[in-house]
Each structure stands twice: as C-alpha cells, then as structure tokens.
Amino acid sequence: MAITDWPVDERPREKLLARGSQALSDAELLAIFLRVGVKGKTAVDLSRELLQTFGSLRQLFDADAQKFCATHGMGEAKYVQLQAVLEMSRRYLAENMRRGDPLSDPDAVRYYLTAKLRDYRSEVFACLFLDNRHRVIQYEEMFHGTIDGASVHPREVVRRALHHNAAAVIFAHNHPSGVAEPSQADERITQKLKDALHLIDVRVLDHFVIGDSVVSFAERGML
C-alpha cells in the first residue's frame, strides 16, 4: 500500500505538519528525507530496513560513501543530499555559539559540543571560553589523544584562558567507545583544572562527556 493510501494522520509529512517533528519516529523522519521508496516498499519501509541494516540513524549518517551507496535504494545523489543536510545542521548549531553571543540555551551548548566531538575516532578535549556575561569568546580543541585517552595539561588551559581574558569556561571531551560515563581520571583532571583556574578567577561552568549520550558534570553535581 502506498503512503498516499494511508490515513492522513499516519503519513509522515502530514503528521509532522500537524504534530511537529518531535512526534515522528526515526524511520518516519528518514522517510521524509528519502521522499520515495523502491519497488514493493514505501519510503517508511525502506527507512526501517536501512535503520535495521546500519543499526541507528547515527551509524547511517556516519557511513562512508562506498557503504552508503552500495545499500539497496541508496546512491550517490542521496549520499550528497544527506551530507548537505548534516553540514547545514552543524552550521545551524554553530550560529548559536557565535563570538559575542550569550549562552541562553543549555541544550544548544550540549548539541553544539556533541556535533563537534562525537564523531572523532580518538579522544579530543575541548574548551569553550566565555566572558563574564557568558558570551562566547572562542571554542578550542586543545588536546588530541588516542582511542582511550588524551593528556590534558592544566597549565596550557590556564594560559589560553588568560590569552582570551575569559571569566568562565566549559569543558568537553568525547569517549570514542560511545560510553559517556565519566571515568575517575575524568573526575580528577576536572578537579585539577577547576583548582588551577580558580587561582586566576575563572569559573568552570560544566564538563560534558560525549558518547552515544551526553553526561554533564554540573547536572550530576560533580563540580
């Protein structure tokens, strides 16, 4: 049965218009992107099959061109369209982090840092430097490590905070394993950084650990 033969409130496009994008499943959102299915399968059927093949939306989005295009119903044109959508999403999130803009939406910070860091194959430690009104000064990826760790040097973080004349900072780093649970080493270095920055009156507002999910030190009361 074609999607046009479905009840109106079950069709992905109409459902989005009536109830908002958050009401749609991953398969329904992907079906809107695909627009059409293949012989014998609706766009929703094809979307469900793709999610089952790749495992998740993220794994589908992370697939290289060769693997993506080799999948039934996909091709170079769809791959190009998908990469364009992903890059527009990154630029949309980056606009909320422009220099001089105050951080008014905690979720925007979380999404921005996730988009920046989650796809690295090795661990990366980043700092978001802010002024005394929590306006963005600069985002910097300061330390690059291996698949299971990165050496973080408090002295260098202090030096960059002084360089930017920052009043506050937000830390973030990724766990390539996908497990976002902070390690004891994460807790120790966060405390060392906090102590070092306290000496120059720079506040640590949060530390995000990014994997398949995101853990906030501030939300857990770990700062």
N, C-alpha and C. Protein backbone atom coordinates (compact mmCIF):
# COMPACT_ATOMS: atom_id res chain seq x y z
N MET A 1 0.85 -1.20 0.00
CA MET A 1 0.00 0.00 0.00
C MET A 1 0.89 1.25 0.00
N ALA A 2 0.61 2.16 -0.91
CA ALA A 2 1.37 3.41 -0.98
C ALA A 2 1.05 4.29 0.23
N ILE A 3 2.01 5.14 0.61
CA ILE A 3 1.80 6.04 1.75
C ILE A 3 0.59 6.95 1.52
N THR A 4 0.37 7.32 0.27
CA THR A 4 -0.78 8.19 -0.04
C THR A 4 -2.11 7.50 0.26
N ASP A 5 -2.08 6.18 0.40
CA ASP A 5 -3.30 5.44 0.74
C ASP A 5 -3.48 5.26 2.24
N TRP A 6 -2.49 5.69 3.02
CA TRP A 6 -2.59 5.58 4.48
C TRP A 6 -3.55 6.63 5.01
N PRO A 7 -4.09 6.43 6.21
CA PRO A 7 -4.86 7.51 6.86
C PRO A 7 -3.99 8.76 6.98
N VAL A 8 -4.59 9.91 6.81
CA VAL A 8 -3.84 11.16 6.77
C VAL A 8 -2.96 11.35 7.99
N ASP A 9 -3.49 11.03 9.19
CA ASP A 9 -2.73 11.28 10.40
C ASP A 9 -1.58 10.29 10.63
N GLU A 10 -1.44 9.31 9.71
CA GLU A 10 -0.31 8.37 9.81
C GLU A 10 0.77 8.63 8.77
N ARG A 11 0.51 9.54 7.84
CA ARG A 11 1.51 9.86 6.82
C ARG A 11 2.57 10.77 7.44
N PRO A 12 3.86 10.46 7.25
CA PRO A 12 4.91 11.23 7.91
C PRO A 12 4.86 12.74 7.69
N ARG A 13 4.65 13.18 6.45
CA ARG A 13 4.64 14.63 6.19
C ARG A 13 3.47 15.31 6.90
N GLU A 14 2.29 14.73 6.76
CA GLU A 14 1.12 15.31 7.38
C GLU A 14 1.22 15.26 8.91
N LYS A 15 1.79 14.18 9.41
CA LYS A 15 1.98 14.03 10.86
C LYS A 15 2.93 15.10 11.39
N LEU A 16 3.99 15.38 10.63
CA LEU A 16 4.93 16.42 11.05
C LEU A 16 4.26 17.78 11.08
N LEU A 17 3.48 18.09 10.05
CA LEU A 17 2.82 19.38 9.99
C LEU A 17 1.80 19.55 11.12
N ALA A 18 1.14 18.46 11.47
CA ALA A 18 0.09 18.54 12.49
C ALA A 18 0.63 18.50 13.91
N ARG A 19 1.70 17.70 14.12
CA ARG A 19 2.15 17.46 15.49
C ARG A 19 3.59 17.85 15.78
N GLY A 20 4.32 18.29 14.75
CA GLY A 20 5.71 18.67 14.94
C GLY A 20 6.66 17.52 14.69
N SER A 21 7.91 17.86 14.38
CA SER A 21 8.89 16.84 14.01
C SER A 21 9.20 15.88 15.15
N GLN A 22 9.08 16.37 16.40
CA GLN A 22 9.41 15.52 17.55
C GLN A 22 8.45 14.34 17.70
N ALA A 23 7.30 14.39 17.03
CA ALA A 23 6.32 13.31 17.13
C ALA A 23 6.64 12.14 16.21
N LEU A 24 7.60 12.32 15.32
CA LEU A 24 7.91 11.29 14.34
C LEU A 24 9.00 10.36 14.84
N SER A 25 8.92 9.10 14.43
CA SER A 25 9.96 8.13 14.73
C SER A 25 11.16 8.39 13.83
N ASP A 26 12.29 7.73 14.14
CA ASP A 26 13.48 7.85 13.28
C ASP A 26 13.16 7.43 11.85
N ALA A 27 12.41 6.35 11.71
CA ALA A 27 12.08 5.85 10.38
C ALA A 27 11.20 6.84 9.61
N GLU A 28 10.27 7.47 10.31
CA GLU A 28 9.39 8.44 9.65
C GLU A 28 10.16 9.68 9.21
N LEU A 29 11.08 10.15 10.05
CA LEU A 29 11.91 11.30 9.67
C LEU A 29 12.79 10.97 8.47
N LEU A 30 13.37 9.79 8.50
CA LEU A 30 14.22 9.36 7.39
C LEU A 30 13.41 9.21 6.11
N ALA A 31 12.17 8.75 6.24
CA ALA A 31 11.30 8.58 5.07
C ALA A 31 11.02 9.92 4.40
N ILE A 32 10.87 10.98 5.20
CA ILE A 32 10.64 12.30 4.61
C ILE A 32 11.87 12.73 3.82
N PHE A 33 13.05 12.43 4.36
CA PHE A 33 14.28 12.76 3.63
C PHE A 33 14.37 11.96 2.33
N LEU A 34 14.05 10.66 2.37
CA LEU A 34 14.16 9.81 1.18
C LEU A 34 13.14 10.18 0.12
N ARG A 35 11.96 10.61 0.56
CA ARG A 35 10.86 11.04 -0.30
C ARG A 35 10.13 9.88 -0.97
N VAL A 36 10.87 8.93 -1.55
CA VAL A 36 10.23 7.81 -2.23
C VAL A 36 10.89 6.50 -1.80
N GLY A 37 10.17 5.41 -1.96
CA GLY A 37 10.73 4.11 -1.64
C GLY A 37 11.28 3.44 -2.88
N VAL A 38 11.26 2.13 -2.88
CA VAL A 38 11.69 1.35 -4.03
C VAL A 38 10.56 0.38 -4.37
N LYS A 39 10.71 -0.34 -5.43
CA LYS A 39 9.65 -1.24 -5.86
C LYS A 39 9.27 -2.21 -4.75
N GLY A 40 8.00 -2.19 -4.39
CA GLY A 40 7.48 -3.08 -3.37
C GLY A 40 7.65 -2.57 -1.95
N LYS A 41 8.27 -1.39 -1.78
CA LYS A 41 8.48 -0.85 -0.44
C LYS A 41 8.22 0.65 -0.42
N THR A 42 7.48 1.09 0.59
CA THR A 42 7.27 2.53 0.75
C THR A 42 8.55 3.15 1.31
N ALA A 43 8.58 4.47 1.35
CA ALA A 43 9.73 5.17 1.92
C ALA A 43 9.90 4.80 3.39
N VAL A 44 8.79 4.59 4.10
CA VAL A 44 8.87 4.20 5.51
C VAL A 44 9.44 2.78 5.64
N ASP A 45 8.98 1.87 4.79
CA ASP A 45 9.52 0.50 4.80
C ASP A 45 11.02 0.52 4.54
N LEU A 46 11.43 1.30 3.55
CA LEU A 46 12.85 1.38 3.20
C LEU A 46 13.65 1.98 4.36
N SER A 47 13.09 2.97 5.01
CA SER A 47 13.76 3.62 6.15
C SER A 47 13.96 2.63 7.29
N ARG A 48 12.94 1.86 7.57
CA ARG A 48 13.07 0.85 8.64
C ARG A 48 14.14 -0.18 8.29
N GLU A 49 14.20 -0.55 7.03
CA GLU A 49 15.20 -1.52 6.59
C GLU A 49 16.61 -0.93 6.72
N LEU A 50 16.76 0.34 6.37
CA LEU A 50 18.06 1.00 6.48
C LEU A 50 18.51 1.08 7.93
N LEU A 51 17.60 1.44 8.82
CA LEU A 51 17.94 1.54 10.24
C LEU A 51 18.32 0.18 10.81
N GLN A 52 17.66 -0.85 10.34
CA GLN A 52 17.99 -2.20 10.80
C GLN A 52 19.37 -2.62 10.26
N THR A 53 19.66 -2.27 9.02
CA THR A 53 20.93 -2.62 8.40
C THR A 53 22.10 -1.92 9.07
N PHE A 54 21.95 -0.61 9.31
CA PHE A 54 23.05 0.18 9.85
C PHE A 54 23.06 0.20 11.38
N GLY A 55 21.91 -0.02 11.99
CA GLY A 55 21.84 -0.07 13.45
C GLY A 55 21.24 1.13 14.11
N SER A 56 21.40 2.30 13.50
CA SER A 56 20.84 3.53 14.08
C SER A 56 20.98 4.66 13.07
N LEU A 57 20.33 5.79 13.35
CA LEU A 57 20.49 6.96 12.48
C LEU A 57 21.94 7.41 12.45
N ARG A 58 22.56 7.44 13.64
CA ARG A 58 23.95 7.91 13.70
C ARG A 58 24.86 7.05 12.84
N GLN A 59 24.71 5.73 12.93
CA GLN A 59 25.56 4.85 12.14
C GLN A 59 25.29 4.99 10.64
N LEU A 60 24.05 5.25 10.30
CA LEU A 60 23.71 5.52 8.90
C LEU A 60 24.40 6.80 8.44
N PHE A 61 24.30 7.86 9.26
CA PHE A 61 24.90 9.14 8.90
C PHE A 61 26.42 9.06 8.84
N ASP A 62 27.01 8.18 9.66
CA ASP A 62 28.47 8.07 9.71
C ASP A 62 29.04 7.17 8.61
N ALA A 63 28.19 6.47 7.90
CA ALA A 63 28.66 5.54 6.87
C ALA A 63 29.41 6.29 5.77
N ASP A 64 30.47 5.68 5.25
CA ASP A 64 31.20 6.32 4.16
C ASP A 64 30.41 6.17 2.86
N ALA A 65 30.87 6.89 1.85
CA ALA A 65 30.13 6.92 0.58
C ALA A 65 30.00 5.54 -0.04
N GLN A 66 31.06 4.74 0.02
CA GLN A 66 31.03 3.42 -0.61
C GLN A 66 29.97 2.53 0.03
N LYS A 67 29.95 2.48 1.36
CA LYS A 67 29.00 1.61 2.05
C LYS A 67 27.58 2.13 1.87
N PHE A 68 27.40 3.44 1.95
CA PHE A 68 26.07 4.03 1.81
C PHE A 68 25.51 3.76 0.42
N CYS A 69 26.31 4.02 -0.58
CA CYS A 69 25.82 3.90 -1.96
C CYS A 69 25.61 2.44 -2.38
N ALA A 70 26.26 1.51 -1.68
CA ALA A 70 26.10 0.10 -2.01
C ALA A 70 24.81 -0.48 -1.44
N THR A 71 24.12 0.29 -0.61
CA THR A 71 22.89 -0.18 0.03
C THR A 71 21.71 -0.03 -0.93
N HIS A 72 20.87 -1.04 -0.97
CA HIS A 72 19.72 -1.03 -1.88
C HIS A 72 18.85 0.21 -1.64
N GLY A 73 18.55 0.91 -2.72
CA GLY A 73 17.71 2.10 -2.63
C GLY A 73 18.46 3.38 -2.43
N MET A 74 19.76 3.28 -2.16
CA MET A 74 20.57 4.48 -1.97
C MET A 74 21.43 4.72 -3.22
N GLY A 75 22.21 5.77 -3.18
CA GLY A 75 23.07 6.09 -4.31
C GLY A 75 23.82 7.37 -4.03
N GLU A 76 24.61 7.79 -4.99
CA GLU A 76 25.46 8.97 -4.81
C GLU A 76 24.65 10.24 -4.55
N ALA A 77 23.54 10.39 -5.27
CA ALA A 77 22.72 11.59 -5.09
C ALA A 77 22.18 11.69 -3.66
N LYS A 78 21.69 10.58 -3.13
CA LYS A 78 21.17 10.57 -1.76
C LYS A 78 22.29 10.82 -0.76
N TYR A 79 23.48 10.27 -1.02
CA TYR A 79 24.61 10.48 -0.13
C TYR A 79 24.98 11.96 -0.08
N VAL A 80 25.02 12.59 -1.23
CA VAL A 80 25.34 14.02 -1.30
C VAL A 80 24.29 14.85 -0.56
N GLN A 81 23.02 14.51 -0.77
CA GLN A 81 21.94 15.23 -0.09
C GLN A 81 22.06 15.08 1.42
N LEU A 82 22.37 13.87 1.88
CA LEU A 82 22.48 13.63 3.31
C LEU A 82 23.64 14.41 3.90
N GLN A 83 24.79 14.42 3.23
CA GLN A 83 25.93 15.17 3.74
C GLN A 83 25.64 16.67 3.80
N ALA A 84 24.87 17.16 2.84
CA ALA A 84 24.49 18.58 2.85
C ALA A 84 23.58 18.89 4.04
N VAL A 85 22.63 18.00 4.31
CA VAL A 85 21.74 18.18 5.46
C VAL A 85 22.53 18.19 6.76
N LEU A 86 23.48 17.27 6.90
CA LEU A 86 24.29 17.19 8.11
C LEU A 86 25.13 18.45 8.29
N GLU A 87 25.70 18.95 7.20
CA GLU A 87 26.52 20.16 7.32
C GLU A 87 25.67 21.38 7.64
N MET A 88 24.47 21.45 7.08
CA MET A 88 23.56 22.55 7.45
C MET A 88 23.20 22.49 8.93
N SER A 89 23.01 21.27 9.44
CA SER A 89 22.71 21.11 10.87
C SER A 89 23.86 21.61 11.73
N ARG A 90 25.09 21.25 11.34
CA ARG A 90 26.26 21.71 12.10
C ARG A 90 26.36 23.24 12.07
N ARG A 91 26.12 23.83 10.92
CA ARG A 91 26.23 25.29 10.82
C ARG A 91 25.11 25.98 11.59
N TYR A 92 23.94 25.37 11.62
CA TYR A 92 22.84 25.91 12.40
C TYR A 92 23.21 25.94 13.88
N LEU A 93 23.77 24.83 14.38
CA LEU A 93 24.18 24.77 15.78
C LEU A 93 25.31 25.75 16.06
N ALA A 94 26.22 25.91 15.10
CA ALA A 94 27.35 26.82 15.30
C ALA A 94 26.90 28.27 15.41
N GLU A 95 25.81 28.63 14.76
CA GLU A 95 25.32 30.00 14.84
C GLU A 95 24.95 30.39 16.26
N ASN A 96 24.54 29.41 17.08
CA ASN A 96 24.21 29.70 18.47
C ASN A 96 25.45 29.89 19.33
N MET A 97 26.62 29.57 18.77
CA MET A 97 27.87 29.68 19.51
C MET A 97 28.76 30.79 18.95
N ARG A 98 28.18 31.72 18.21
CA ARG A 98 28.99 32.76 17.61
C ARG A 98 29.63 33.65 18.65
N ARG A 99 30.80 34.16 18.33
CA ARG A 99 31.52 35.04 19.23
C ARG A 99 30.65 36.23 19.61
N GLY A 100 30.55 36.50 20.91
CA GLY A 100 29.80 37.65 21.40
C GLY A 100 28.37 37.34 21.78
N ASP A 101 27.89 36.13 21.45
CA ASP A 101 26.52 35.76 21.81
C ASP A 101 26.48 35.16 23.21
N PRO A 102 25.52 35.56 24.05
CA PRO A 102 25.40 34.95 25.38
C PRO A 102 24.82 33.55 25.28
N LEU A 103 25.23 32.67 26.19
CA LEU A 103 24.70 31.31 26.22
C LEU A 103 23.40 31.31 27.00
N SER A 104 22.29 31.31 26.30
CA SER A 104 20.99 31.37 26.94
C SER A 104 20.26 30.03 26.92
N ASP A 105 20.76 29.08 26.14
CA ASP A 105 20.09 27.79 25.99
C ASP A 105 21.08 26.67 26.26
N PRO A 106 21.01 26.03 27.44
CA PRO A 106 21.95 24.94 27.77
C PRO A 106 21.91 23.80 26.76
N ASP A 107 20.74 23.52 26.22
CA ASP A 107 20.64 22.42 25.25
C ASP A 107 21.41 22.74 23.97
N ALA A 108 21.43 24.04 23.59
CA ALA A 108 22.17 24.43 22.39
C ALA A 108 23.66 24.17 22.56
N VAL A 109 24.17 24.42 23.77
CA VAL A 109 25.58 24.15 24.06
C VAL A 109 25.85 22.65 23.95
N ARG A 110 24.98 21.86 24.54
CA ARG A 110 25.12 20.40 24.51
C ARG A 110 25.12 19.89 23.07
N TYR A 111 24.17 20.36 22.26
CA TYR A 111 24.07 19.89 20.88
C TYR A 111 25.28 20.32 20.06
N TYR A 112 25.73 21.55 20.30
CA TYR A 112 26.88 22.07 19.56
C TYR A 112 28.13 21.25 19.86
N LEU A 113 28.41 21.03 21.14
CA LEU A 113 29.60 20.28 21.53
C LEU A 113 29.51 18.83 21.06
N THR A 114 28.31 18.27 21.10
CA THR A 114 28.12 16.90 20.61
C THR A 114 28.43 16.82 19.12
N ALA A 115 27.91 17.78 18.35
CA ALA A 115 28.16 17.79 16.91
C ALA A 115 29.65 17.95 16.60
N LYS A 116 30.35 18.70 17.43
CA LYS A 116 31.77 18.94 17.22
C LYS A 116 32.63 17.70 17.53
N LEU A 117 32.27 16.97 18.57
CA LEU A 117 33.21 15.99 19.12
C LEU A 117 32.84 14.52 18.94
N ARG A 118 31.59 14.20 18.76
CA ARG A 118 31.20 12.79 18.90
C ARG A 118 31.73 11.88 17.79
N ASP A 119 32.08 12.43 16.64
CA ASP A 119 32.49 11.58 15.53
C ASP A 119 34.00 11.34 15.45
N TYR A 120 34.76 11.92 16.37
CA TYR A 120 36.20 11.66 16.37
C TYR A 120 36.48 10.21 16.75
N ARG A 121 37.47 9.62 16.10
CA ARG A 121 37.86 8.24 16.38
C ARG A 121 38.83 8.15 17.56
N SER A 122 39.40 9.28 17.95
CA SER A 122 40.28 9.33 19.12
C SER A 122 39.73 10.40 20.07
N GLU A 123 40.25 10.40 21.29
CA GLU A 123 39.72 11.32 22.30
C GLU A 123 40.23 12.74 22.08
N VAL A 124 39.32 13.69 22.17
CA VAL A 124 39.65 15.10 21.98
C VAL A 124 39.07 15.89 23.15
N PHE A 125 39.89 16.77 23.72
CA PHE A 125 39.46 17.61 24.84
C PHE A 125 39.35 19.05 24.35
N ALA A 126 38.18 19.65 24.56
CA ALA A 126 37.91 20.99 24.05
C ALA A 126 37.47 21.94 25.16
N CYS A 127 37.68 23.23 24.91
CA CYS A 127 37.27 24.27 25.86
C CYS A 127 36.43 25.31 25.13
N LEU A 128 35.39 25.75 25.80
CA LEU A 128 34.58 26.86 25.32
C LEU A 128 34.82 28.01 26.29
N PHE A 129 35.52 29.04 25.82
CA PHE A 129 35.88 30.18 26.67
C PHE A 129 34.79 31.25 26.61
N LEU A 130 34.43 31.78 27.78
CA LEU A 130 33.32 32.73 27.89
C LEU A 130 33.76 33.97 28.66
N ASP A 131 33.06 35.09 28.42
CA ASP A 131 33.35 36.29 29.21
C ASP A 131 32.48 36.32 30.46
N ASN A 132 32.48 37.43 31.18
CA ASN A 132 31.75 37.47 32.46
C ASN A 132 30.24 37.54 32.30
N ARG A 133 29.76 37.69 31.09
CA ARG A 133 28.32 37.64 30.82
C ARG A 133 27.95 36.35 30.09
N HIS A 134 28.87 35.41 30.12
CA HIS A 134 28.69 34.10 29.49
C HIS A 134 28.48 34.22 27.98
N ARG A 135 29.13 35.22 27.40
CA ARG A 135 29.14 35.32 25.94
C ARG A 135 30.34 34.54 25.41
N VAL A 136 30.15 33.92 24.27
CA VAL A 136 31.19 33.08 23.69
C VAL A 136 32.37 33.93 23.22
N ILE A 137 33.57 33.54 23.65
CA ILE A 137 34.79 34.15 23.15
C ILE A 137 35.41 33.26 22.09
N GLN A 138 35.60 31.97 22.44
CA GLN A 138 36.26 31.07 21.49
C GLN A 138 36.03 29.62 21.89
N TYR A 139 35.88 28.77 20.89
CA TYR A 139 35.88 27.31 21.07
C TYR A 139 37.22 26.80 20.59
N GLU A 140 37.88 25.99 21.40
CA GLU A 140 39.19 25.45 21.01
C GLU A 140 39.28 23.96 21.35
N GLU A 141 39.73 23.18 20.39
CA GLU A 141 40.06 21.78 20.65
C GLU A 141 41.53 21.75 21.02
N MET A 142 41.80 21.52 22.31
CA MET A 142 43.14 21.77 22.84
C MET A 142 44.04 20.54 22.89
N PHE A 143 43.47 19.37 23.13
CA PHE A 143 44.31 18.18 23.29
C PHE A 143 43.71 17.01 22.51
N HIS A 144 44.54 16.37 21.70
CA HIS A 144 44.13 15.21 20.92
C HIS A 144 44.91 14.00 21.43
N GLY A 145 44.20 12.91 21.68
CA GLY A 145 44.85 11.74 22.25
C GLY A 145 44.66 10.49 21.42
N THR A 146 44.46 9.38 22.12
CA THR A 146 44.28 8.09 21.48
C THR A 146 42.83 7.66 21.62
N ILE A 147 42.55 6.42 21.26
CA ILE A 147 41.19 5.92 21.32
C ILE A 147 40.67 5.85 22.75
N ASP A 148 41.57 5.78 23.74
CA ASP A 148 41.10 5.63 25.11
C ASP A 148 41.61 6.71 26.07
N GLY A 149 42.11 7.82 25.56
CA GLY A 149 42.52 8.87 26.47
C GLY A 149 43.25 10.00 25.78
N ALA A 150 43.29 11.16 26.46
CA ALA A 150 44.04 12.32 25.98
C ALA A 150 44.69 12.98 27.19
N SER A 151 45.95 13.35 27.05
CA SER A 151 46.65 14.04 28.13
C SER A 151 46.22 15.51 28.16
N VAL A 152 45.70 15.94 29.29
CA VAL A 152 45.22 17.31 29.45
C VAL A 152 46.16 18.04 30.41
N HIS A 153 46.65 19.20 30.00
CA HIS A 153 47.63 19.95 30.79
C HIS A 153 47.00 21.23 31.34
N PRO A 154 46.73 21.28 32.66
CA PRO A 154 46.11 22.46 33.25
C PRO A 154 46.84 23.76 32.95
N ARG A 155 48.16 23.71 32.93
CA ARG A 155 48.94 24.92 32.66
C ARG A 155 48.57 25.53 31.30
N GLU A 156 48.38 24.67 30.30
CA GLU A 156 48.03 25.16 28.96
C GLU A 156 46.62 25.73 28.94
N VAL A 157 45.70 25.10 29.67
CA VAL A 157 44.33 25.62 29.74
C VAL A 157 44.32 26.99 30.41
N VAL A 158 45.09 27.13 31.49
CA VAL A 158 45.20 28.43 32.17
C VAL A 158 45.78 29.48 31.22
N ARG A 159 46.80 29.08 30.47
CA ARG A 159 47.43 30.02 29.53
C ARG A 159 46.44 30.51 28.48
N ARG A 160 45.61 29.60 27.95
CA ARG A 160 44.63 30.00 26.93
C ARG A 160 43.50 30.83 27.54
N ALA A 161 43.13 30.52 28.78
CA ALA A 161 42.09 31.32 29.45
C ALA A 161 42.58 32.75 29.65
N LEU A 162 43.84 32.92 30.04
CA LEU A 162 44.42 34.26 30.19
C LEU A 162 44.52 34.96 28.83
N HIS A 163 44.91 34.20 27.81
CA HIS A 163 45.02 34.77 26.47
C HIS A 163 43.68 35.36 26.01
N HIS A 164 42.59 34.64 26.29
CA HIS A 164 41.27 35.09 25.85
C HIS A 164 40.61 36.05 26.85
N ASN A 165 41.28 36.28 28.00
CA ASN A 165 40.69 37.09 29.07
C ASN A 165 39.33 36.53 29.46
N ALA A 166 39.26 35.20 29.58
CA ALA A 166 37.99 34.53 29.88
C ALA A 166 37.65 34.66 31.35
N ALA A 167 36.35 34.69 31.63
CA ALA A 167 35.85 34.71 33.01
C ALA A 167 35.26 33.35 33.39
N ALA A 168 34.97 32.54 32.39
CA ALA A 168 34.37 31.22 32.64
C ALA A 168 34.73 30.29 31.49
N VAL A 169 34.59 29.00 31.74
CA VAL A 169 34.94 28.02 30.72
C VAL A 169 34.03 26.80 30.86
N ILE A 170 33.75 26.17 29.74
CA ILE A 170 33.03 24.89 29.70
C ILE A 170 33.96 23.90 29.02
N PHE A 171 34.16 22.76 29.66
CA PHE A 171 34.99 21.71 29.08
C PHE A 171 34.10 20.67 28.38
N ALA A 172 34.70 19.98 27.43
CA ALA A 172 34.01 18.85 26.79
C ALA A 172 35.05 17.91 26.23
N HIS A 173 34.78 16.63 26.31
CA HIS A 173 35.62 15.66 25.62
C HIS A 173 34.77 14.46 25.23
N ASN A 174 35.23 13.74 24.24
CA ASN A 174 34.47 12.59 23.73
C ASN A 174 35.06 11.29 24.23
N HIS A 175 34.21 10.28 24.29
CA HIS A 175 34.63 8.90 24.54
C HIS A 175 34.34 8.11 23.26
N PRO A 176 35.36 7.81 22.46
CA PRO A 176 35.14 7.10 21.19
C PRO A 176 34.42 5.76 21.36
N SER A 177 34.48 5.18 22.55
CA SER A 177 33.79 3.91 22.80
C SER A 177 32.28 4.06 22.74
N GLY A 178 31.80 5.31 22.88
CA GLY A 178 30.36 5.56 22.92
C GLY A 178 29.80 5.59 24.33
N VAL A 179 30.57 5.11 25.31
CA VAL A 179 30.12 5.10 26.71
C VAL A 179 30.47 6.45 27.33
N ALA A 180 29.45 7.22 27.68
CA ALA A 180 29.68 8.59 28.15
C ALA A 180 29.95 8.70 29.64
N GLU A 181 29.89 7.61 30.37
CA GLU A 181 30.08 7.65 31.82
C GLU A 181 31.49 8.18 32.14
N PRO A 182 31.57 9.24 32.97
CA PRO A 182 32.89 9.80 33.32
C PRO A 182 33.75 8.79 34.08
N SER A 183 35.02 8.75 33.75
CA SER A 183 35.95 7.89 34.45
C SER A 183 36.51 8.61 35.68
N GLN A 184 37.21 7.88 36.54
CA GLN A 184 37.86 8.52 37.68
C GLN A 184 38.91 9.51 37.20
N ALA A 185 39.58 9.19 36.09
CA ALA A 185 40.56 10.11 35.52
C ALA A 185 39.89 11.41 35.06
N ASP A 186 38.68 11.29 34.49
CA ASP A 186 37.93 12.48 34.08
C ASP A 186 37.62 13.36 35.29
N GLU A 187 37.21 12.72 36.38
CA GLU A 187 36.89 13.48 37.59
C GLU A 187 38.13 14.16 38.16
N ARG A 188 39.26 13.44 38.16
CA ARG A 188 40.48 14.01 38.72
C ARG A 188 40.97 15.21 37.91
N ILE A 189 40.99 15.09 36.58
CA ILE A 189 41.50 16.20 35.79
C ILE A 189 40.55 17.39 35.84
N THR A 190 39.26 17.13 35.95
CA THR A 190 38.31 18.24 36.08
C THR A 190 38.57 19.02 37.36
N GLN A 191 38.84 18.31 38.45
CA GLN A 191 39.13 18.99 39.71
C GLN A 191 40.44 19.76 39.63
N LYS A 192 41.47 19.18 38.99
CA LYS A 192 42.74 19.88 38.83
C LYS A 192 42.57 21.16 38.01
N LEU A 193 41.79 21.04 36.95
CA LEU A 193 41.54 22.22 36.11
C LEU A 193 40.77 23.28 36.89
N LYS A 194 39.78 22.84 37.62
CA LYS A 194 38.98 23.77 38.42
C LYS A 194 39.85 24.50 39.44
N ASP A 195 40.73 23.76 40.13
CA ASP A 195 41.62 24.37 41.12
C ASP A 195 42.59 25.36 40.47
N ALA A 196 43.14 24.97 39.31
CA ALA A 196 44.10 25.85 38.62
C ALA A 196 43.43 27.12 38.13
N LEU A 197 42.24 26.99 37.57
CA LEU A 197 41.54 28.17 37.04
C LEU A 197 41.00 29.07 38.15
N HIS A 198 40.72 28.47 39.30
CA HIS A 198 40.25 29.26 40.45
C HIS A 198 41.29 30.31 40.85
N LEU A 199 42.57 29.99 40.68
CA LEU A 199 43.65 30.90 41.05
C LEU A 199 43.66 32.16 40.20
N ILE A 200 43.07 32.09 39.01
CA ILE A 200 43.01 33.28 38.15
C ILE A 200 41.56 33.75 37.97
N ASP A 201 40.69 33.32 38.90
CA ASP A 201 39.28 33.77 38.94
C ASP A 201 38.51 33.42 37.67
N VAL A 202 38.75 32.23 37.16
CA VAL A 202 37.97 31.72 36.02
C VAL A 202 37.11 30.57 36.52
N ARG A 203 35.80 30.67 36.30
CA ARG A 203 34.87 29.66 36.79
C ARG A 203 34.69 28.53 35.76
N VAL A 204 34.59 27.33 36.28
CA VAL A 204 34.27 26.17 35.44
C VAL A 204 32.76 25.94 35.55
N LEU A 205 32.05 26.14 34.45
CA LEU A 205 30.59 26.04 34.47
C LEU A 205 30.11 24.60 34.26
N ASP A 206 30.84 23.83 33.47
CA ASP A 206 30.41 22.45 33.21
C ASP A 206 31.52 21.69 32.50
N HIS A 207 31.37 20.39 32.50
CA HIS A 207 32.24 19.50 31.73
C HIS A 207 31.33 18.43 31.15
N PHE A 208 31.26 18.39 29.82
CA PHE A 208 30.42 17.42 29.12
C PHE A 208 31.27 16.25 28.64
N VAL A 209 30.80 15.04 28.90
CA VAL A 209 31.42 13.83 28.36
C VAL A 209 30.48 13.31 27.28
N ILE A 210 31.02 13.16 26.08
CA ILE A 210 30.17 12.90 24.91
C ILE A 210 30.46 11.52 24.34
N GLY A 211 29.43 10.71 24.29
CA GLY A 211 29.50 9.41 23.65
C GLY A 211 28.21 9.20 22.88
N ASP A 212 27.60 8.04 23.02
CA ASP A 212 26.29 7.83 22.41
C ASP A 212 25.23 8.67 23.12
N SER A 213 25.50 9.05 24.35
CA SER A 213 24.70 10.00 25.10
C SER A 213 25.65 11.08 25.61
N VAL A 214 25.15 12.01 26.41
CA VAL A 214 25.98 13.10 26.93
C VAL A 214 25.77 13.19 28.44
N VAL A 215 26.87 13.24 29.18
CA VAL A 215 26.82 13.40 30.63
C VAL A 215 27.37 14.78 30.98
N SER A 216 26.59 15.49 31.83
CA SER A 216 27.00 16.81 32.31
C SER A 216 27.47 16.71 33.75
N PHE A 217 28.70 17.15 34.03
CA PHE A 217 29.19 17.17 35.41
C PHE A 217 28.31 18.07 36.29
N ALA A 218 27.89 19.21 35.74
CA ALA A 218 27.09 20.15 36.52
C ALA A 218 25.74 19.53 36.91
N GLU A 219 25.11 18.85 35.96
CA GLU A 219 23.81 18.25 36.24
C GLU A 219 23.92 17.15 37.28
N ARG A 220 25.07 16.50 37.33
CA ARG A 220 25.27 15.42 38.32
C ARG A 220 25.81 15.93 39.65
N GLY A 221 26.04 17.25 39.74
CA GLY A 221 26.57 17.80 40.98
C GLY A 221 28.01 17.41 41.23
N MET A 222 28.79 17.26 40.14
CA MET A 222 30.17 16.80 40.26
C MET A 222 31.18 17.94 40.19
N LEU A 223 30.72 19.19 40.12
CA LEU A 223 31.64 20.31 40.08
C LEU A 223 31.72 21.01 41.43
